[in-house]
C-alpha cells in the first residue's frame, strides 16, 4: 500500500493535487478527521487498496499532535506513506480567497489575513517533517499538475530527487527552497545589447557568463558543496532536495549556472535531477 498525505496551507492547491492522484488510479479521501483514518487500521486493507491519497488540512485535526500521532500509528502498522505539503505566499492565498469569495476554514478570527497567519504558525511543525514541499504561488492548475508529474512519476527508483529552481530576486525568492545560491556577483549579460534578449539556455550567454572572473570557481564550489551534502541528506532519509539559483531577473546567470549543475548531477545514477526555470514565461516579455 502506498499512501500520500496531501496537506499544507488552505488555498495552496490541495484539491488540484487530489485530482492529480485520482486521475492516476488512487483512492482519494478529502478532509477525513485524523481519528477516523486511524480507526480504519489501513494495513488491514493493503490487499484490496494499493494506492491512497488523503487530503488533510486544519479541519482534519484540532491540534498538530493529532496529525503526528496518526503518522506514528501508520508507522506502527507498517504502512508506507509520504507527506506532500503544499504552500504559497500569504498574499497569493489571500488573493485566491478573494477571487473565490470562500471563507477560510480556520475560524479563529474575522480577518482572513489573521487566519492565514495563525494557520501557518499551526502547521509549521508539519511542514518541517514533510517529504515533499511545493510552493504553488506561481502555479496555474495545469502547471501544478506538470510539476507533480515531474516530481513523482519516474520509473527508476533513486535515492534522492534534486530539483534545481532558477528565479529572479526582483520577483521574490521561492518559499520551498532547502538552500539558495546567489549568482548576482557574476558577469551580467543583461548589459550586452545582443545578449539581453537571449537567456541562459543559449550557448553564447553561457560562454559569456562563464568567461567572467570567478564564474568557474563559483560553479565548482556549488558542485563541491552539494557533492558533500547529498550523501548526508540521503543517509538521514531525505528523498527530495530543492536548490534555488537566483539572479536579478532569473533569465541569464542563474539559468546558466543551473544548466551546468543539471549536466553535472544528472550523470549520477542514484539521483534524479529536475530543472525548473520559474521566470521562463517572463523571458519573452
Protein backbone atom coordinates (compact mmCIF):
# COMPACT_ATOMS: atom_id res chain seq x y z
CA UNK A 1 0.00 0.00 0.00
CA UNK A 2 1.26 3.46 -0.95
CA UNK A 3 -0.24 6.43 0.88
CA UNK A 4 0.24 10.08 0.02
CA UNK A 5 -0.98 12.53 2.65
CA UNK A 6 -1.59 15.91 1.00
CA UNK A 7 -1.66 18.75 3.47
CA UNK A 8 -0.47 22.34 3.82
CA UNK A 9 -1.89 25.82 3.68
CA UNK A 10 -5.56 26.18 2.82
CA UNK A 11 -5.82 27.65 -0.67
CA UNK A 12 -2.46 26.24 -1.79
CA UNK A 13 -3.95 23.69 -4.21
CA UNK A 14 -4.92 20.57 -2.27
CA UNK A 15 -7.97 19.90 -4.45
CA UNK A 16 -5.88 20.10 -7.62
CA UNK A 17 -3.36 17.68 -6.12
CA UNK A 18 -6.11 15.23 -5.18
CA UNK A 19 -7.47 15.40 -8.73
CA UNK A 20 -3.98 14.51 -10.00
CA UNK A 21 -3.84 11.41 -7.78
CA UNK A 22 -7.43 10.39 -8.58
CA UNK A 23 -6.68 10.52 -12.32
CA UNK A 24 -3.82 8.09 -11.70
CA UNK A 25 -5.96 5.46 -10.02
CA UNK A 26 -5.53 6.42 -6.37
CA UNK A 27 -8.42 6.16 -3.95
CA UNK A 28 -8.78 9.74 -2.74
CA UNK A 29 -10.16 10.87 0.61
CA UNK A 30 -10.58 14.54 1.44
CA UNK A 31 -10.76 16.11 4.89
CA UNK A 32 -11.37 12.94 6.83
CA UNK A 33 -10.60 13.54 10.53
CA UNK A 34 -7.39 12.01 11.86
CA UNK A 35 -9.17 9.74 14.31
CA UNK A 36 -11.36 8.29 11.53
CA UNK A 37 -8.32 7.33 9.45
CA UNK A 38 -6.56 5.90 12.48
CA UNK A 39 -9.66 3.86 13.29
CA UNK A 40 -9.72 2.23 9.85
CA UNK A 41 -6.42 0.39 10.50
CA UNK A 42 -5.38 0.77 6.87
CA UNK A 43 -2.94 -2.14 6.99
CA UNK A 44 -5.96 -4.50 7.03
CA UNK A 45 -6.92 -3.31 3.54
CA UNK A 46 -3.48 -3.43 1.93
CA UNK A 47 -4.52 -6.33 -0.34
CA UNK A 48 -7.62 -4.53 -1.59
CA UNK A 49 -6.34 -0.94 -1.76
CA UNK A 50 -2.91 -0.35 -3.24
CA UNK A 51 -2.76 3.43 -3.61
CA UNK A 52 -4.43 6.01 -1.38
CA UNK A 53 -4.23 9.83 -1.42
CA UNK A 54 -5.60 11.57 1.67
CA UNK A 55 -6.20 15.30 1.73
CA UNK A 56 -5.90 16.84 5.18
CA UNK A 57 -5.98 20.46 6.29
CA UNK A 58 -6.69 22.12 9.62
CA UNK A 59 -10.29 20.83 9.51
CA UNK A 60 -8.93 17.28 9.87
CA UNK A 61 -7.26 17.77 13.25
CA UNK A 62 -7.80 20.07 16.21
CA UNK A 63 -4.11 20.18 17.10
CA UNK A 64 -0.84 19.28 15.39
CA UNK A 65 -0.26 16.41 17.82
CA UNK A 66 -3.23 14.54 16.31
CA UNK A 67 -1.57 14.60 12.90
CA UNK A 68 1.77 13.46 14.31
CA UNK A 69 0.04 10.67 16.25
CA UNK A 70 -1.60 9.49 13.02
CA UNK A 71 1.81 9.24 11.34
CA UNK A 72 3.15 7.23 14.28
CA UNK A 73 0.12 4.95 14.05
CA UNK A 74 0.75 4.32 10.34
CA UNK A 75 4.38 3.53 11.09
CA UNK A 76 3.27 1.09 13.76
CA UNK A 77 1.06 -0.68 11.24
CA UNK A 78 3.95 -0.92 8.80
CA UNK A 79 2.14 1.29 6.29
CA UNK A 80 4.41 3.25 3.93
CA UNK A 81 3.45 6.89 3.46
CA UNK A 82 4.76 10.21 2.18
CA UNK A 83 3.64 13.68 3.27
CA UNK A 84 3.18 16.20 0.45
CA UNK A 85 2.99 19.76 1.83
CA UNK A 86 1.57 22.50 -0.40
CA UNK A 87 2.48 26.08 0.39
CA UNK A 88 2.04 29.52 -1.12
CA UNK A 89 2.82 33.10 -0.22
CA UNK A 90 0.35 34.80 2.11
CA UNK A 91 -0.64 37.41 -0.47
CA UNK A 92 -1.30 34.70 -3.08
CA UNK A 93 -3.52 32.72 -0.70
CA UNK A 94 -5.38 35.91 0.25
CA UNK A 95 -5.94 36.75 -3.42
CA UNK A 96 -7.26 33.23 -4.12
CA UNK A 97 -9.79 33.55 -1.31
CA UNK A 98 -10.83 36.98 -2.54
CA UNK A 99 -11.36 35.62 -6.06
CA UNK A 100 -13.40 32.59 -4.97
CA UNK A 101 -15.21 34.51 -2.20
CA UNK A 102 -14.91 31.47 0.03
CA UNK A 103 -14.33 31.71 3.76
CA UNK A 104 -11.14 30.47 5.39
CA UNK A 105 -11.60 27.11 7.19
CA UNK A 106 -9.88 28.39 10.32
CA UNK A 107 -12.50 30.36 12.26
CA UNK A 108 -10.22 31.93 14.86
CA UNK A 109 -10.68 35.46 13.52
CA UNK A 110 -12.96 37.51 11.29
CA UNK A 111 -9.85 38.51 9.33
CA UNK A 112 -8.64 36.16 6.56
CA UNK A 113 -5.16 37.66 6.92
CA UNK A 114 -5.08 36.78 10.62
CA UNK A 115 -6.39 33.26 9.95
CA UNK A 116 -3.69 32.70 7.32
CA UNK A 117 -1.05 33.81 9.82
CA UNK A 118 -2.41 31.52 12.55
CA UNK A 119 -2.71 28.56 10.18
CA UNK A 120 0.90 28.94 9.02
CA UNK A 121 2.02 29.00 12.64
CA UNK A 122 -0.03 25.90 13.48
CA UNK A 123 1.32 23.92 10.51
CA UNK A 124 4.99 24.89 10.82
CA UNK A 125 5.95 21.60 12.50
CA UNK A 126 4.16 19.54 9.87
CA UNK A 127 5.92 21.48 7.10
CA UNK A 128 9.28 20.62 8.64
CA UNK A 129 8.65 16.86 8.57
CA UNK A 130 7.10 16.75 5.07
CA UNK A 131 8.78 14.56 2.47
CA UNK A 132 7.93 16.97 -0.34
CA UNK A 133 7.23 20.71 -0.12
CA UNK A 134 5.86 22.52 -3.18
CA UNK A 135 5.37 26.27 -3.45
CA UNK A 136 2.33 26.81 -5.69
CA UNK A 137 2.45 30.63 -5.62
CA UNK A 138 3.26 30.91 -9.33
CA UNK A 139 1.31 27.84 -10.49
CA UNK A 140 -1.82 27.61 -12.56
CA UNK A 141 -3.65 24.28 -12.00
CA UNK A 142 -2.11 23.00 -15.25
CA UNK A 143 1.41 23.96 -14.22
CA UNK A 144 0.87 22.38 -10.81
CA UNK A 145 -0.11 19.06 -12.44
CA UNK A 146 3.01 19.25 -14.60
CA UNK A 147 5.14 19.85 -11.50
CA UNK A 148 3.60 16.88 -9.69
CA UNK A 149 4.18 14.66 -12.73
CA UNK A 150 7.84 15.66 -12.99
CA UNK A 151 8.44 15.10 -9.28
CA UNK A 152 6.50 11.91 -8.71
CA UNK A 153 6.37 9.98 -11.98
CA UNK A 154 9.64 8.25 -12.65
CA UNK A 155 10.29 4.58 -13.23
CA UNK A 156 13.74 4.14 -11.79
CA UNK A 157 13.96 4.31 -8.02
CA UNK A 158 16.51 6.91 -6.95
CA UNK A 159 17.94 7.74 -3.55
CA UNK A 160 17.02 11.40 -3.93
CA UNK A 161 15.22 13.80 -6.28
CA UNK A 162 17.19 17.03 -6.71
CA UNK A 163 15.14 19.94 -8.02
CA UNK A 164 17.12 22.93 -9.29
CA UNK A 165 14.94 26.04 -9.48
CA UNK A 166 16.04 29.32 -11.06
CA UNK A 167 14.37 32.59 -10.14
CA UNK A 168 14.73 36.37 -10.21
CA UNK A 169 15.25 38.10 -6.87
CA UNK A 170 13.21 41.07 -8.07
CA UNK A 171 10.18 38.76 -8.22
CA UNK A 172 10.83 37.27 -4.78
CA UNK A 173 12.53 34.02 -3.79
CA UNK A 174 10.53 30.74 -3.85
CA UNK A 175 9.43 29.63 -0.39
CA UNK A 176 10.01 25.90 -0.90
CA UNK A 177 13.82 26.02 -1.16
CA UNK A 178 16.06 23.89 1.04
CA UNK A 179 19.06 26.02 0.10
CA UNK A 180 19.78 29.00 -2.14
CA UNK A 181 22.72 30.32 -4.16
CA UNK A 182 23.01 33.92 -5.38
CA UNK A 183 24.66 34.48 -8.79
CA UNK A 184 24.31 38.27 -8.89
CA UNK A 185 28.06 38.68 -8.36
CA UNK A 186 28.75 37.06 -11.75
CA UNK A 187 29.23 38.85 -15.06
CA UNK A 188 25.82 40.01 -16.31
CA UNK A 189 24.79 39.51 -19.99
CA UNK A 190 21.88 41.90 -19.50
CA UNK A 191 24.19 44.85 -20.19
CA UNK A 192 25.26 43.45 -23.58
CA UNK A 193 22.72 44.54 -26.20
CA UNK A 194 22.95 41.39 -28.34
CA UNK A 195 22.74 39.11 -25.30
CA UNK A 196 19.91 40.82 -23.41
CA UNK A 197 17.03 39.16 -25.35
CA UNK A 198 18.66 35.73 -25.05
CA UNK A 199 18.70 33.54 -21.95
CA UNK A 200 20.89 31.07 -20.09
CA UNK A 201 19.81 28.21 -22.36
CA UNK A 202 21.68 29.91 -25.22
CA UNK A 203 25.29 28.82 -25.64
CA UNK A 204 26.55 32.35 -26.30
CA UNK A 205 25.07 33.54 -22.98
CA UNK A 206 26.59 30.60 -21.11
CA UNK A 207 30.00 31.32 -22.64
CA UNK A 208 29.77 34.98 -21.62
CA UNK A 209 28.71 34.22 -18.03
CA UNK A 210 31.34 31.51 -17.54
CA UNK A 211 34.11 33.69 -19.02
CA UNK A 212 33.75 36.20 -16.20
CA UNK A 213 36.08 36.39 -13.23
CA UNK A 214 35.15 33.85 -10.57
CA UNK A 215 32.34 32.11 -12.52
CA UNK A 216 34.07 28.77 -13.00
CA UNK A 217 35.28 28.77 -9.40
CA UNK A 218 31.82 29.63 -8.06
CA UNK A 219 30.25 26.80 -10.05
CA UNK A 220 32.91 24.41 -8.75
CA UNK A 221 32.23 25.48 -5.15
CA UNK A 222 28.49 24.78 -5.52
CA UNK A 223 29.21 21.38 -7.05
CA UNK A 224 31.60 20.51 -4.24
CA UNK A 225 29.16 21.65 -1.54
CA UNK A 226 26.32 19.58 -2.99
CA UNK A 227 28.64 16.61 -3.52
CA UNK A 228 29.42 16.77 0.20
CA UNK A 229 25.84 17.34 1.40
CA UNK A 230 23.81 14.97 -0.78
CA UNK A 231 25.09 11.71 0.76
CA UNK A 232 24.34 13.12 4.23
CA UNK A 233 20.79 14.06 3.21
CA UNK A 234 20.27 10.58 1.75
CA UNK A 235 21.65 8.97 4.91
CA UNK A 236 19.16 10.97 7.01
CA UNK A 237 16.29 9.73 4.85
CA UNK A 238 15.60 12.89 2.85
CA UNK A 239 14.16 11.96 -0.55
CA UNK A 240 13.70 15.41 -2.11
CA UNK A 241 16.01 18.44 -2.09
CA UNK A 242 15.18 21.77 -3.74
CA UNK A 243 18.07 24.10 -4.56
CA UNK A 244 17.40 27.66 -5.72
CA UNK A 245 19.74 29.55 -8.07
CA UNK A 246 18.90 33.23 -8.22
CA UNK A 247 19.98 36.29 -10.16
CA UNK A 248 18.35 39.67 -10.72
CA UNK A 249 15.77 38.60 -13.31
CA UNK A 250 16.08 34.81 -13.39
CA UNK A 251 17.00 34.79 -17.09
CA UNK A 252 20.75 34.75 -17.70
CA UNK A 253 23.19 34.00 -14.88
CA UNK A 254 21.01 31.77 -12.71
CA UNK A 255 19.84 29.77 -15.73
CA UNK A 256 23.43 29.32 -16.92
CA UNK A 257 24.64 28.02 -13.55
CA UNK A 258 21.55 25.82 -13.10
CA UNK A 259 22.06 24.23 -16.52
CA UNK A 260 25.69 23.46 -15.64
CA UNK A 261 24.61 21.90 -12.33
CA UNK A 262 21.96 19.85 -14.11
CA UNK A 263 24.56 18.48 -16.54
CA UNK A 264 26.90 17.63 -13.66
CA UNK A 265 24.46 15.89 -11.30
CA UNK A 266 22.31 14.25 -13.98
CA UNK A 267 25.19 11.82 -14.58
CA UNK A 268 24.72 10.28 -11.14
CA UNK A 269 22.75 7.03 -11.16
CA UNK A 270 21.22 7.41 -7.68
CA UNK A 271 19.91 10.96 -8.14
CA UNK A 272 17.03 12.16 -10.31
CA UNK A 273 17.56 15.79 -11.31
CA UNK A 274 14.71 18.13 -12.25
CA UNK A 275 15.24 21.61 -13.70
CA UNK A 276 12.66 24.37 -13.25
CA UNK A 277 13.11 27.90 -14.67
CA UNK A 278 10.45 29.80 -12.72
CA UNK A 279 10.64 33.01 -14.77
CA UNK A 280 10.63 31.31 -18.18
CA UNK A 281 7.25 32.77 -19.14
CA UNK A 282 8.64 36.25 -18.48
CA UNK A 283 11.61 35.83 -20.85
CA UNK A 284 9.67 36.84 -23.93
CA UNK A 285 8.01 39.84 -22.27
